[in-house]
Protein backbone atom coordinates (compact mmCIF):
# COMPACT_ATOMS: atom_id res chain seq x y z
CA MET A 1 -18.03 -26.10 34.07
CA ILE A 2 -14.77 -24.28 33.39
CA SER A 3 -13.99 -21.39 35.68
CA ARG A 4 -13.01 -18.01 34.26
CA LEU A 5 -9.54 -18.39 35.75
CA THR A 6 -9.03 -21.76 34.02
CA LEU A 7 -10.28 -20.33 30.72
CA LEU A 8 -7.91 -17.36 31.03
CA ALA A 9 -4.99 -19.70 31.78
CA LEU A 10 -5.80 -21.80 28.71
CA LEU A 11 -5.95 -18.74 26.49
CA LEU A 12 -2.57 -17.60 27.74
CA ILE A 13 -0.81 -20.90 27.00
CA LEU A 14 -2.41 -21.77 23.68
CA PRO A 15 -0.51 -20.64 20.58
CA VAL A 16 -2.15 -17.75 18.79
CA THR A 17 -1.90 -17.46 15.05
CA SER A 18 -2.26 -13.99 13.65
CA LEU A 19 -3.78 -13.84 10.23
CA ALA A 20 -3.14 -10.50 8.61
CA ALA A 21 -2.16 -9.03 5.28
CA THR A 22 1.33 -7.51 5.19
CA ALA A 23 1.91 -3.89 4.15
CA VAL A 24 5.37 -2.85 2.96
CA VAL A 25 6.52 0.69 2.18
CA ILE A 26 9.45 0.78 -0.23
CA GLU A 27 12.43 2.78 1.05
CA GLN A 28 12.88 6.07 -0.77
CA PRO A 29 14.92 8.39 1.48
CA GLU A 30 14.88 11.27 -1.02
CA ARG A 31 11.08 11.46 -1.46
CA PRO A 32 9.39 14.70 -0.36
CA LEU A 33 6.52 12.79 1.28
CA GLN A 34 6.60 10.90 4.56
CA ILE A 35 4.45 7.77 4.78
CA HIS A 36 3.14 7.54 8.35
CA LEU A 37 0.87 4.52 7.81
CA TYR A 38 0.20 1.96 5.12
CA GLU A 39 -2.35 -0.74 5.74
CA ASN A 40 -4.28 -3.04 3.46
CA GLU A 41 -7.03 -5.62 3.74
CA TYR A 42 -9.43 -7.73 1.74
CA ASP A 43 -13.03 -6.57 1.67
CA GLU A 44 -16.20 -7.82 -0.02
CA THR A 45 -19.13 -5.47 -0.51
CA ASP A 46 -22.27 -6.08 -2.56
CA GLY A 47 -20.70 -9.15 -4.14
CA LYS A 48 -17.61 -7.21 -5.28
CA GLN A 49 -14.16 -8.19 -4.03
CA PHE A 50 -11.58 -5.53 -3.19
CA VAL A 51 -8.18 -5.02 -1.72
CA VAL A 52 -8.38 -1.80 0.30
CA HIS A 53 -5.17 0.24 0.62
CA GLU A 54 -5.07 2.98 3.26
CA VAL A 55 -2.20 5.51 3.24
CA LYS A 56 -1.51 8.32 5.75
CA TYR A 57 1.17 10.67 4.58
CA GLN A 58 2.71 14.10 5.17
CA ASN A 59 4.05 16.67 2.70
CA THR A 60 7.61 17.17 3.98
CA SER A 61 8.61 19.54 1.18
CA ASP A 62 8.48 23.34 1.43
CA GLN A 63 5.95 23.57 -1.43
CA GLU A 64 2.28 22.87 -1.99
CA ILE A 65 1.64 19.53 -3.74
CA LEU A 66 -1.01 19.46 -6.49
CA ALA A 67 -0.99 15.71 -7.29
CA ILE A 68 0.56 12.49 -6.04
CA ARG A 69 0.95 9.16 -7.81
CA PHE A 70 1.49 6.04 -5.64
CA GLY A 71 2.58 2.70 -7.07
CA LEU A 72 1.00 -0.41 -5.53
CA LEU A 73 1.52 -4.15 -5.98
CA GLU A 74 -0.60 -6.93 -4.49
CA LEU A 75 0.81 -10.41 -3.85
CA ASN A 76 -0.93 -13.63 -2.82
CA PRO A 77 0.41 -15.77 0.08
CA PHE A 78 2.92 -17.35 -2.32
CA ASP A 79 4.30 -13.92 -3.37
CA ASP A 80 2.74 -14.21 -6.83
CA LEU A 81 1.69 -10.87 -8.35
CA ILE A 82 -2.15 -10.69 -8.38
CA GLY A 83 -2.65 -6.94 -8.76
CA ALA A 84 -0.74 -3.82 -9.78
CA PHE A 85 -1.90 -0.25 -10.23
CA TYR A 86 -1.07 3.40 -9.79
CA GLY A 87 -3.18 5.38 -7.36
CA TYR A 88 -3.70 9.08 -7.98
CA ILE A 89 -4.48 11.91 -5.57
CA THR A 90 -5.41 15.19 -7.28
CA GLU A 91 -6.16 17.30 -4.22
CA GLU A 92 -3.74 19.97 -2.94
CA THR A 93 -1.56 19.21 0.09
CA ASP A 94 0.08 22.23 1.71
CA ALA A 95 3.67 22.03 2.92
CA GLY A 96 3.75 20.22 6.25
CA ASP A 97 0.14 19.01 6.04
CA LYS A 98 -0.84 15.43 6.95
CA GLU A 99 -3.45 13.70 4.82
CA SER A 100 -4.91 10.24 4.30
CA THR A 101 -6.34 8.39 1.34
CA GLU A 102 -7.78 5.05 0.43
CA PHE A 103 -7.63 3.07 -2.82
CA LEU A 104 -10.12 0.28 -3.51
CA ASN A 105 -8.80 -2.16 -6.07
CA GLU A 106 -11.64 -4.34 -7.34
CA ASN A 107 -9.95 -7.56 -8.38
CA ALA A 108 -11.26 -11.07 -9.05
CA LYS A 109 -8.11 -12.40 -7.34
CA ALA A 110 -8.66 -10.28 -4.20
CA PRO A 111 -9.75 -13.29 -2.09
CA PHE A 112 -6.25 -14.69 -2.51
CA PHE A 113 -5.01 -11.55 -0.69
CA GLU A 114 -7.13 -12.16 2.39
CA ASP A 115 -5.22 -12.80 5.62
CA ARG A 116 -1.80 -13.54 4.14
CA GLY A 117 -1.39 -11.31 1.13
CA THR A 118 1.25 -8.60 0.81
CA GLY A 119 0.84 -5.04 -0.41
CA LEU A 120 3.85 -3.02 -1.61
CA LEU A 121 3.67 0.77 -1.83
CA TRP A 122 5.97 3.47 -3.17
CA VAL A 123 5.66 7.13 -4.10
CA ASP A 124 6.04 7.24 -7.87
CA ALA A 125 5.62 10.95 -8.72
CA ILE A 126 4.60 14.31 -7.22
CA ARG A 127 3.55 17.50 -8.99
CA PHE A 128 4.23 20.73 -7.12
CA ALA A 129 2.30 24.03 -7.34
CA ASP A 130 5.26 25.75 -9.07
CA GLY A 131 4.93 23.30 -11.99
CA SER A 132 7.93 21.18 -11.06
CA PHE A 133 7.88 17.39 -10.58
CA TRP A 134 9.56 14.90 -8.31
CA ARG A 135 9.77 11.41 -9.83
CA ALA A 136 10.94 8.21 -8.23
CA ASP A 137 14.04 6.54 -9.60
CA ARG A 138 12.28 3.44 -10.92
CA THR A 139 15.54 1.52 -11.16
CA THR A 140 15.97 1.92 -7.40
CA VAL A 141 12.27 1.17 -6.80
CA LEU A 142 12.53 -2.01 -8.93
CA SER A 143 15.60 -3.14 -7.02
CA GLU A 144 13.79 -2.69 -3.70
CA LEU A 145 10.67 -4.43 -4.98
CA GLN A 146 12.74 -7.39 -6.25
CA LYS A 147 13.81 -8.09 -2.63
CA GLN A 148 10.20 -9.18 -2.08
CA LEU A 149 9.41 -10.36 -5.61
CA PRO A 150 12.62 -11.46 -7.43
CA SER A 151 10.80 -12.23 -10.72
CA LEU A 152 9.55 -8.63 -11.09
CA GLU A 153 10.78 -6.85 -14.23
CA ALA A 154 10.89 -3.18 -15.23
CA ALA A 155 7.95 -3.70 -17.63
CA ASP A 156 5.83 -4.76 -14.62
CA LEU A 157 6.06 -1.19 -13.37
CA ASP A 158 4.54 0.26 -16.55
CA GLU A 159 1.17 1.86 -15.91
CA LYS A 160 -1.54 -0.59 -16.97
CA ARG A 161 -4.22 0.25 -14.43
CA SER A 162 -4.96 3.49 -12.57
CA LEU A 163 -7.27 4.39 -9.69
CA ILE A 164 -8.27 7.72 -8.18
CA ASP A 165 -8.38 7.97 -4.40
CA ASN A 166 -11.67 6.98 -2.80
């Protein structure tokens, strides 16, 4: 019988492989929203397959925000694009407030995301209470995204699928 001390020693010397999806926030220094956390994972519920995207953010502007549009891409372990959508939040966020949201992307290819997929997130647009808008420079966003996915083209950022926050 192996003693607890021997078992502990074995666990400490054996290599440990971490299987986890990767979450990448695209750099946008000028955006009026700070992303504090972006995580994603594969989930299966009631026979449906999802990639779950969780975002914690803060309104760093001096105005109330009425709506936010996030851009999200999902890649399989080979960095092939398997999902793309825009996620919308239509609830007010006061200046300085911290909030969180979750987007559930039901996708037949979601199992390919499990453990080693990559999610890419950027802030695409914000509508303020005074009626003004902040919009991402999509040329810059595309350039940043191409560092991870060189084959990505501007047309790939066109809105083809949209989700409201969960």
